[in-house]
């Protein structure tokens, strides 16, 4: 399997684990709300306010994770581009970036890759750049040496 395919697979695994975790948490919260409702027939919603807030928060996290999954579905790891776009593997003089989702560091074959989104600050700097372009980020200067 090629590096881009392995990186994309790592991103899918990360997002799918997050989705499963949020779904589990949502079910747990719903069960807690139901058991609180049964225990408190006098109209006292002690604890339910926080549970509803937690439920809403986890529903938002789940929605965000599903958007990440939608982004991954758009990426074709076999596509090669001469400029940095979604799905590009960008090698620079200091780091390797996989333009996909904001996931962070992925260790693969004794190399470190950083999965970043195009919307991130570094992603915005890299967007549409070509080999030889120089980027300055956090007072660090680096040159794009390869794009796949």
C-alpha atoms as a PDB file:
ATOM      1  CA  UNK A   1       0.000   0.000   0.000  1.00  0.00           C
ATOM      2  CA  UNK A   2       1.302   3.423  -0.913  1.00  0.00           C
ATOM      3  CA  UNK A   3       1.998   6.099   1.693  1.00  0.00           C
ATOM      4  CA  UNK A   4      -0.999   8.274   0.749  1.00  0.00           C
ATOM      5  CA  UNK A   5      -3.317   5.259   0.983  1.00  0.00           C
ATOM      6  CA  UNK A   6      -1.898   4.350   4.400  1.00  0.00           C
ATOM      7  CA  UNK A   7      -2.293   7.934   5.636  1.00  0.00           C
ATOM      8  CA  UNK A   8      -5.870   8.080   4.358  1.00  0.00           C
ATOM      9  CA  UNK A   9      -6.602   4.759   6.082  1.00  0.00           C
ATOM     10  CA  UNK A  10      -5.176   6.108   9.346  1.00  0.00           C
ATOM     11  CA  UNK A  11      -7.470   9.148   9.025  1.00  0.00           C
ATOM     12  CA  UNK A  12     -10.506   6.921   8.386  1.00  0.00           C
ATOM     13  CA  UNK A  13      -9.648   4.827  11.429  1.00  0.00           C
ATOM     14  CA  UNK A  14      -9.292   7.944  13.601  1.00  0.00           C
ATOM     15  CA  UNK A  15     -12.619   9.424  12.478  1.00  0.00           C
ATOM     16  CA  UNK A  16     -14.528   6.141  12.721  1.00  0.00           C
ATOM     17  CA  UNK A  17     -13.287   5.646  16.299  1.00  0.00           C
ATOM     18  CA  UNK A  18     -14.417   9.173  17.182  1.00  0.00           C
ATOM     19  CA  UNK A  19     -17.847   8.582  15.641  1.00  0.00           C
ATOM     20  CA  UNK A  20     -18.283   5.316  17.553  1.00  0.00           C
ATOM     21  CA  UNK A  21     -17.169   6.974  20.795  1.00  0.00           C
ATOM     22  CA  UNK A  22     -19.598   9.885  20.400  1.00  0.00           C
ATOM     23  CA  UNK A  23     -22.464   7.515  19.557  1.00  0.00           C
ATOM     24  CA  UNK A  24     -21.715   5.457  22.679  1.00  0.00           C
ATOM     25  CA  UNK A  25     -21.563   8.596  24.824  1.00  0.00           C
ATOM     26  CA  UNK A  26     -24.856   9.862  23.368  1.00  0.00           C
ATOM     27  CA  UNK A  27     -26.573   6.559  24.188  1.00  0.00           C
ATOM     28  CA  UNK A  28     -25.201   6.639  27.744  1.00  0.00           C
ATOM     29  CA  UNK A  29     -26.455  10.198  28.246  1.00  0.00           C
ATOM     30  CA  UNK A  30     -29.894   9.319  26.847  1.00  0.00           C
ATOM     31  CA  UNK A  31     -30.123   6.368  29.247  1.00  0.00           C
ATOM     32  CA  UNK A  32     -29.145   8.629  32.152  1.00  0.00           C
ATOM     33  CA  UNK A  33     -31.802  11.172  31.194  1.00  0.00           C
ATOM     34  CA  UNK A  34     -34.444   8.411  31.002  1.00  0.00           C
ATOM     35  CA  UNK A  35     -33.482   6.961  34.373  1.00  0.00           C
ATOM     36  CA  UNK A  36     -33.517  10.458  35.925  1.00  0.00           C
ATOM     37  CA  UNK A  37     -36.977  11.069  34.473  1.00  0.00           C
ATOM     38  CA  UNK A  38     -38.307   7.809  35.948  1.00  0.00           C
ATOM     39  CA  UNK A  39     -36.747   8.474  39.362  1.00  0.00           C
ATOM     40  CA  UNK A  40     -38.001  12.055  39.591  1.00  0.00           C
ATOM     41  CA  UNK A  41     -41.724  12.069  38.954  1.00  0.00           C
ATOM     42  CA  UNK A  42     -42.252  15.244  41.027  1.00  0.00           C
ATOM     43  CA  UNK A  43     -40.934  17.432  38.215  1.00  0.00           C
ATOM     44  CA  UNK A  44     -37.497  17.919  39.758  1.00  0.00           C
ATOM     45  CA  UNK A  45     -35.044  17.791  36.848  1.00  0.00           C
ATOM     46  CA  UNK A  46     -31.965  17.618  39.069  1.00  0.00           C
ATOM     47  CA  UNK A  47     -29.032  16.744  36.845  1.00  0.00           C
ATOM     48  CA  UNK A  48     -30.981  16.686  33.597  1.00  0.00           C
ATOM     49  CA  UNK A  49     -29.894  20.202  32.621  1.00  0.00           C
ATOM     50  CA  UNK A  50     -26.233  19.181  32.567  1.00  0.00           C
ATOM     51  CA  UNK A  51     -27.110  15.926  30.816  1.00  0.00           C
ATOM     52  CA  UNK A  52     -28.978  17.805  28.082  1.00  0.00           C
ATOM     53  CA  UNK A  53     -25.985  20.134  27.659  1.00  0.00           C
ATOM     54  CA  UNK A  54     -23.664  17.118  27.418  1.00  0.00           C
ATOM     55  CA  UNK A  55     -26.018  15.509  24.911  1.00  0.00           C
ATOM     56  CA  UNK A  56     -26.055  18.631  22.751  1.00  0.00           C
ATOM     57  CA  UNK A  57     -22.269  18.906  22.911  1.00  0.00           C
ATOM     58  CA  UNK A  58     -21.759  15.265  21.907  1.00  0.00           C
ATOM     59  CA  UNK A  59     -24.271  15.612  19.070  1.00  0.00           C
ATOM     60  CA  UNK A  60     -22.215  18.552  17.774  1.00  0.00           C
ATOM     61  CA  UNK A  61     -18.978  16.546  18.089  1.00  0.00           C
ATOM     62  CA  UNK A  62     -20.641  13.665  16.210  1.00  0.00           C
ATOM     63  CA  UNK A  63     -21.754  16.050  13.476  1.00  0.00           C
ATOM     64  CA  UNK A  64     -18.216  17.474  13.194  1.00  0.00           C
ATOM     65  CA  UNK A  65     -16.748  13.960  12.955  1.00  0.00           C
ATOM     66  CA  UNK A  66     -19.240  13.072  10.207  1.00  0.00           C
ATOM     67  CA  UNK A  67     -18.117  16.185   8.295  1.00  0.00           C
ATOM     68  CA  UNK A  68     -14.524  14.940   8.618  1.00  0.00           C
ATOM     69  CA  UNK A  69     -15.647  11.598   7.188  1.00  0.00           C
ATOM     70  CA  UNK A  70     -17.321  13.417   4.277  1.00  0.00           C
ATOM     71  CA  UNK A  71     -14.034  15.239   3.621  1.00  0.00           C
ATOM     72  CA  UNK A  72     -12.136  11.935   3.568  1.00  0.00           C
ATOM     73  CA  UNK A  73     -14.609  10.449   1.075  1.00  0.00           C
ATOM     74  CA  UNK A  74     -13.631  13.173  -1.423  1.00  0.00           C
ATOM     75  CA  UNK A  75      -9.939  12.230  -1.360  1.00  0.00           C
ATOM     76  CA  UNK A  76      -8.607   9.914  -4.052  1.00  0.00           C
ATOM     77  CA  UNK A  77      -5.136   8.772  -2.931  1.00  0.00           C
ATOM     78  CA  UNK A  78      -4.171   7.892  -6.510  1.00  0.00           C
ATOM     79  CA  UNK A  79      -4.617  11.484  -7.725  1.00  0.00           C
ATOM     80  CA  UNK A  80      -1.381  13.378  -8.241  1.00  0.00           C
ATOM     81  CA  UNK A  81      -1.313  17.168  -8.331  1.00  0.00           C
ATOM     82  CA  UNK A  82       1.386  19.714  -9.035  1.00  0.00           C
ATOM     83  CA  UNK A  83      -0.069  22.141  -6.497  1.00  0.00           C
ATOM     84  CA  UNK A  84      -1.215  21.611  -2.900  1.00  0.00           C
ATOM     85  CA  UNK A  85      -4.900  20.624  -2.692  1.00  0.00           C
ATOM     86  CA  UNK A  86      -7.074  18.334  -0.562  1.00  0.00           C
ATOM     87  CA  UNK A  87      -5.448  14.894  -0.587  1.00  0.00           C
ATOM     88  CA  UNK A  88      -1.920  16.105  -1.340  1.00  0.00           C
ATOM     89  CA  UNK A  89       1.121  14.653   0.363  1.00  0.00           C
ATOM     90  CA  UNK A  90       3.487  17.595   0.797  1.00  0.00           C
ATOM     91  CA  UNK A  91       7.139  17.146   1.654  1.00  0.00           C
ATOM     92  CA  UNK A  92       9.069  20.151   2.884  1.00  0.00           C
ATOM     93  CA  UNK A  93      12.577  20.721   4.143  1.00  0.00           C
ATOM     94  CA  UNK A  94      11.343  20.189   7.709  1.00  0.00           C
ATOM     95  CA  UNK A  95       8.043  18.241   7.716  1.00  0.00           C
ATOM     96  CA  UNK A  96       5.714  16.007   5.737  1.00  0.00           C
ATOM     97  CA  UNK A  97       2.058  17.064   5.525  1.00  0.00           C
ATOM     98  CA  UNK A  98      -0.985  15.107   4.428  1.00  0.00           C
ATOM     99  CA  UNK A  99      -3.732  17.538   3.470  1.00  0.00           C
ATOM    100  CA  UNK A 100      -6.923  15.898   4.724  1.00  0.00           C
ATOM    101  CA  UNK A 101      -8.317  16.458   8.238  1.00  0.00           C
ATOM    102  CA  UNK A 102      -6.866  17.984  11.371  1.00  0.00           C
ATOM    103  CA  UNK A 103      -5.634  14.836  13.045  1.00  0.00           C
ATOM    104  CA  UNK A 104      -2.052  15.592  13.983  1.00  0.00           C
ATOM    105  CA  UNK A 105       0.991  13.364  13.788  1.00  0.00           C
ATOM    106  CA  UNK A 106       0.884   9.961  12.097  1.00  0.00           C
ATOM    107  CA  UNK A 107       3.931   7.728  12.407  1.00  0.00           C
ATOM    108  CA  UNK A 108       4.441   5.561   9.341  1.00  0.00           C
ATOM    109  CA  UNK A 109       7.512   3.604   8.209  1.00  0.00           C
ATOM    110  CA  UNK A 110       9.882   5.460  10.557  1.00  0.00           C
ATOM    111  CA  UNK A 111       8.646   8.833   9.273  1.00  0.00           C
ATOM    112  CA  UNK A 112       6.344  11.395  10.821  1.00  0.00           C
ATOM    113  CA  UNK A 113       3.507  12.895   8.804  1.00  0.00           C
ATOM    114  CA  UNK A 114       1.157  15.622   9.957  1.00  0.00           C
ATOM    115  CA  UNK A 115      -2.441  15.286   8.853  1.00  0.00           C
ATOM    116  CA  UNK A 116      -3.829  18.811   8.555  1.00  0.00           C
ATOM    117  CA  UNK A 117      -6.915  20.386   7.033  1.00  0.00           C
ATOM    118  CA  UNK A 118      -6.826  23.002   4.300  1.00  0.00           C
ATOM    119  CA  UNK A 119      -8.674  25.293   6.699  1.00  0.00           C
ATOM    120  CA  UNK A 120      -5.922  25.202   9.322  1.00  0.00           C
ATOM    121  CA  UNK A 121      -3.402  28.066   9.464  1.00  0.00           C
ATOM    122  CA  UNK A 122      -0.613  25.948   7.943  1.00  0.00           C
ATOM    123  CA  UNK A 123      -3.072  24.469   5.441  1.00  0.00           C
ATOM    124  CA  UNK A 124      -4.013  27.959   4.288  1.00  0.00           C
ATOM    125  CA  UNK A 125      -0.334  28.803   3.776  1.00  0.00           C
ATOM    126  CA  UNK A 126       0.275  25.614   1.772  1.00  0.00           C
ATOM    127  CA  UNK A 127      -2.901  25.819  -0.324  1.00  0.00           C
ATOM    128  CA  UNK A 128      -2.179  25.957  -4.082  1.00  0.00           C
ATOM    129  CA  UNK A 129       1.595  26.197  -3.522  1.00  0.00           C
ATOM    130  CA  UNK A 130       3.983  24.312  -5.835  1.00  0.00           C
ATOM    131  CA  UNK A 131       7.392  22.644  -5.473  1.00  0.00           C
ATOM    132  CA  UNK A 132      10.036  25.258  -4.706  1.00  0.00           C
ATOM    133  CA  UNK A 133       7.668  27.657  -2.920  1.00  0.00           C
ATOM    134  CA  UNK A 134       8.878  28.903   0.454  1.00  0.00           C
ATOM    135  CA  UNK A 135       6.533  29.059   3.463  1.00  0.00           C
ATOM    136  CA  UNK A 136       7.037  30.903   6.762  1.00  0.00           C
ATOM    137  CA  UNK A 137       5.033  29.544   9.693  1.00  0.00           C
ATOM    138  CA  UNK A 138       5.643  30.334  13.386  1.00  0.00           C
ATOM    139  CA  UNK A 139       8.952  31.981  12.504  1.00  0.00           C
ATOM    140  CA  UNK A 140      10.092  28.797  10.722  1.00  0.00           C
ATOM    141  CA  UNK A 141      10.932  28.927   7.038  1.00  0.00           C
ATOM    142  CA  UNK A 142      10.676  25.836   4.897  1.00  0.00           C
ATOM    143  CA  UNK A 143      10.619  24.973   1.206  1.00  0.00           C
ATOM    144  CA  UNK A 144       8.227  22.573  -0.536  1.00  0.00           C
ATOM    145  CA  UNK A 145      10.396  19.802  -2.004  1.00  0.00           C
ATOM    146  CA  UNK A 146       7.736  17.388  -3.308  1.00  0.00           C
ATOM    147  CA  UNK A 147       3.976  17.139  -3.820  1.00  0.00           C
ATOM    148  CA  UNK A 148       2.182  13.863  -4.485  1.00  0.00           C
END
